[in-house]
Amino acid sequence: MSEATVSMFHPKKILVPIDFSPSSIAALATASQMAQQFHAKLCLLHVIPMLPIVSGLEFPTAFYPRQEFLADAEEDSAKRFVDLVDHLAGQGVEATFKVEIGNDVVGNVLMVLEREHADLLVISTQGMSGWRPVVFGSIAEKVVKLAECPVLLLRTAKTTVELKPRVKQ
């Protein structure tokens, strides 16, 4: 009888899509623990959906142009990521971030997954029920089906998890 070969999975780069919801912050907390354990790097990703132009009216309002909205959203996301990356560095976790703009959130996640050569994806689901996931589908569900690497899908409990920067003494 031959011995079975045990293959251990040790991710080197973990992609974590973040929408700044409590659910995605909880996924980041789990990913950072895994990064510490495996000495892996984290790549944080936020995808800003492009807003459609409908009958010549740009959303969210005609008074706030789309380009300005996207630039402000991108700047806000980058600022939030700088705080998260600093917090993670304090925990000994190396992290980078990407802010993407596009209509296809799933496509953007998959593109960054490939471009960054991530070997694990940690993503949260907010556990939506009712008609919304039936009509719109779940981003997490689509990513799980299409990703070509292992995916850790976390369903967040109703309590909120918040990463707070440590106070320097």
Protein backbone atom coordinates (compact mmCIF):
# COMPACT_ATOMS: atom_id res chain seq x y z
CA MET A 1 0.00 0.00 0.00
CA SER A 2 1.48 3.34 -0.99
CA GLU A 3 1.43 6.41 1.21
CA ALA A 4 -0.96 9.16 0.20
CA THR A 5 0.71 12.41 -0.67
CA VAL A 6 -0.56 15.26 1.44
CA SER A 7 -0.57 18.56 -0.36
CA MET A 8 -0.64 21.63 1.83
CA PHE A 9 -2.11 24.83 0.46
CA HIS A 10 -0.07 27.90 1.37
CA PRO A 11 -1.37 31.02 -0.36
CA LYS A 12 1.20 33.67 -1.21
CA LYS A 13 -1.22 36.40 -2.30
CA ILE A 14 -4.82 36.79 -1.15
CA LEU A 15 -7.29 39.02 -2.99
CA VAL A 16 -10.02 40.55 -0.82
CA PRO A 17 -12.80 42.48 -2.58
CA ILE A 18 -14.01 45.23 -0.24
CA ASP A 19 -17.15 47.33 -0.52
CA PHE A 20 -16.56 48.81 2.96
CA SER A 21 -19.66 47.09 4.35
CA PRO A 22 -19.39 45.35 7.74
CA SER A 23 -19.53 42.05 5.87
CA SER A 24 -16.50 42.84 3.70
CA ILE A 25 -14.57 44.23 6.69
CA ALA A 26 -15.22 40.95 8.50
CA ALA A 27 -13.84 39.09 5.47
CA LEU A 28 -10.76 41.32 5.59
CA ALA A 29 -10.26 40.43 9.27
CA THR A 30 -10.33 36.73 8.37
CA ALA A 31 -8.01 37.26 5.40
CA SER A 32 -5.53 39.18 7.54
CA GLN A 33 -5.42 36.30 10.04
CA MET A 34 -4.73 33.91 7.16
CA ALA A 35 -2.06 36.25 5.79
CA GLN A 36 -0.35 36.28 9.17
CA GLN A 37 -0.48 32.49 9.42
CA PHE A 38 0.82 31.86 5.89
CA HIS A 39 3.06 34.95 5.57
CA ALA A 40 1.00 35.93 2.55
CA LYS A 41 0.42 39.36 1.05
CA LEU A 42 -3.03 40.87 0.81
CA CYS A 43 -4.40 42.72 -2.19
CA LEU A 44 -7.49 44.75 -1.35
CA LEU A 45 -9.87 45.63 -4.15
CA HIS A 46 -12.77 48.04 -4.41
CA VAL A 47 -14.80 48.23 -7.61
CA ILE A 48 -16.73 51.43 -8.22
CA PRO A 49 -19.64 50.75 -10.56
CA MET A 50 -19.91 53.19 -13.43
CA LEU A 51 -23.18 55.00 -13.43
CA PRO A 52 -25.31 54.78 -16.55
CA ILE A 53 -26.42 57.66 -18.68
CA VAL A 54 -30.18 57.45 -19.16
CA SER A 55 -31.85 59.75 -21.68
CA GLY A 56 -29.03 62.25 -21.42
CA LEU A 57 -29.32 62.46 -17.61
CA GLU A 58 -26.22 61.44 -15.72
CA PHE A 59 -26.75 59.81 -12.37
CA PRO A 60 -26.75 60.42 -9.43
CA THR A 61 -28.02 63.85 -10.51
CA ALA A 62 -27.64 66.15 -13.43
CA PHE A 63 -25.94 68.60 -11.05
CA TYR A 64 -23.13 66.24 -10.10
CA PRO A 65 -21.31 65.13 -13.26
CA ARG A 66 -20.39 61.49 -13.61
CA GLN A 67 -16.64 62.10 -14.00
CA GLU A 68 -16.57 64.21 -10.84
CA PHE A 69 -18.57 61.56 -8.98
CA LEU A 70 -16.18 58.80 -10.08
CA ALA A 71 -13.10 60.86 -9.18
CA ASP A 72 -14.52 61.63 -5.73
CA ALA A 73 -15.49 57.98 -5.15
CA GLU A 74 -12.03 56.83 -6.23
CA GLU A 75 -10.32 59.35 -3.93
CA ASP A 76 -12.55 58.39 -0.99
CA SER A 77 -11.83 54.69 -1.53
CA ALA A 78 -8.08 55.30 -1.71
CA LYS A 79 -8.17 57.24 1.58
CA ARG A 80 -10.08 54.44 3.29
CA PHE A 81 -7.64 51.88 1.94
CA VAL A 82 -4.61 53.84 3.19
CA ASP A 83 -6.05 53.59 6.72
CA LEU A 84 -6.71 49.86 6.33
CA VAL A 85 -3.24 49.19 4.89
CA ASP A 86 -1.63 51.13 7.76
CA HIS A 87 -3.66 49.11 10.27
CA LEU A 88 -2.65 45.85 8.61
CA ALA A 89 1.02 46.89 8.57
CA GLY A 90 0.74 47.36 12.35
CA GLN A 91 -0.30 43.71 12.51
CA GLY A 92 2.66 42.65 10.38
CA VAL A 93 0.60 42.06 7.25
CA GLU A 94 1.82 43.45 3.93
CA ALA A 95 -1.07 44.79 1.87
CA THR A 96 -1.65 46.74 -1.31
CA PHE A 97 -4.88 48.07 -2.75
CA LYS A 98 -6.53 48.62 -6.10
CA VAL A 99 -9.52 50.77 -6.97
CA GLU A 100 -11.18 49.80 -10.24
CA ILE A 101 -14.04 51.47 -12.09
CA GLY A 102 -16.35 49.40 -14.25
CA ASN A 103 -19.86 48.20 -14.97
CA ASP A 104 -19.04 44.54 -14.37
CA VAL A 105 -17.98 44.08 -10.74
CA VAL A 106 -17.49 40.33 -11.17
CA GLY A 107 -15.42 40.85 -14.31
CA ASN A 108 -13.26 43.42 -12.52
CA VAL A 109 -12.68 41.05 -9.59
CA LEU A 110 -11.69 38.22 -11.94
CA MET A 111 -9.43 40.52 -13.98
CA VAL A 112 -7.58 41.73 -10.87
CA LEU A 113 -7.36 38.17 -9.56
CA GLU A 114 -5.52 37.16 -12.73
CA ARG A 115 -3.45 40.35 -13.06
CA GLU A 116 -2.23 40.16 -9.45
CA HIS A 117 -1.57 36.40 -9.63
CA ALA A 118 -3.55 35.88 -6.43
CA ASP A 119 -3.85 32.27 -5.40
CA LEU A 120 -6.74 32.71 -2.95
CA LEU A 121 -9.84 34.89 -2.98
CA VAL A 122 -11.58 35.77 0.29
CA ILE A 123 -15.01 37.29 -0.28
CA SER A 124 -18.05 37.89 1.85
CA THR A 125 -21.68 37.45 1.13
CA GLN A 126 -24.28 39.50 2.87
CA GLY A 127 -26.75 36.62 2.78
CA MET A 128 -29.43 38.50 0.88
CA SER A 129 -32.78 36.83 0.67
CA GLY A 130 -36.01 37.59 -1.07
CA TRP A 131 -36.30 38.85 -4.63
CA ARG A 132 -33.03 40.85 -4.92
CA PRO A 133 -30.61 37.93 -5.46
CA VAL A 134 -33.09 36.26 -7.80
CA VAL A 135 -33.33 39.36 -9.99
CA PHE A 136 -29.80 40.72 -9.72
CA GLY A 137 -27.81 37.65 -8.71
CA SER A 138 -25.09 37.60 -6.12
CA ILE A 139 -21.65 38.97 -6.94
CA ALA A 140 -20.12 36.47 -4.53
CA GLU A 141 -22.02 33.58 -6.13
CA LYS A 142 -20.85 34.55 -9.61
CA VAL A 143 -17.24 34.95 -8.46
CA VAL A 144 -17.31 31.53 -6.77
CA LYS A 145 -18.53 29.96 -10.03
CA LEU A 146 -16.01 31.72 -12.28
CA ALA A 147 -12.81 32.08 -10.23
CA GLU A 148 -9.99 29.77 -11.23
CA CYS A 149 -8.40 29.71 -7.78
CA PRO A 150 -9.65 28.60 -4.37
CA VAL A 151 -12.32 30.87 -2.91
CA LEU A 152 -13.17 31.31 0.74
CA LEU A 153 -16.75 32.54 0.90
CA LEU A 154 -17.72 33.99 4.27
CA ARG A 155 -21.26 34.61 5.33
CA THR A 156 -21.21 37.33 7.90
CA ALA A 157 -23.21 37.11 11.08
CA LYS A 158 -25.56 39.95 11.90
CA THR A 159 -23.06 41.53 14.30
CA THR A 160 -20.68 44.08 12.87
CA VAL A 161 -16.92 43.74 12.86
CA GLU A 162 -14.84 46.85 12.62
CA LEU A 163 -11.11 47.22 12.11
CA LYS A 164 -9.87 50.07 14.25
CA PRO A 165 -6.38 51.51 13.97
CA ARG A 166 -4.21 50.90 17.02
CA VAL A 167 -3.37 53.94 19.08
CA LYS A 168 0.35 54.65 18.97
CA GLN A 169 1.87 55.10 22.41
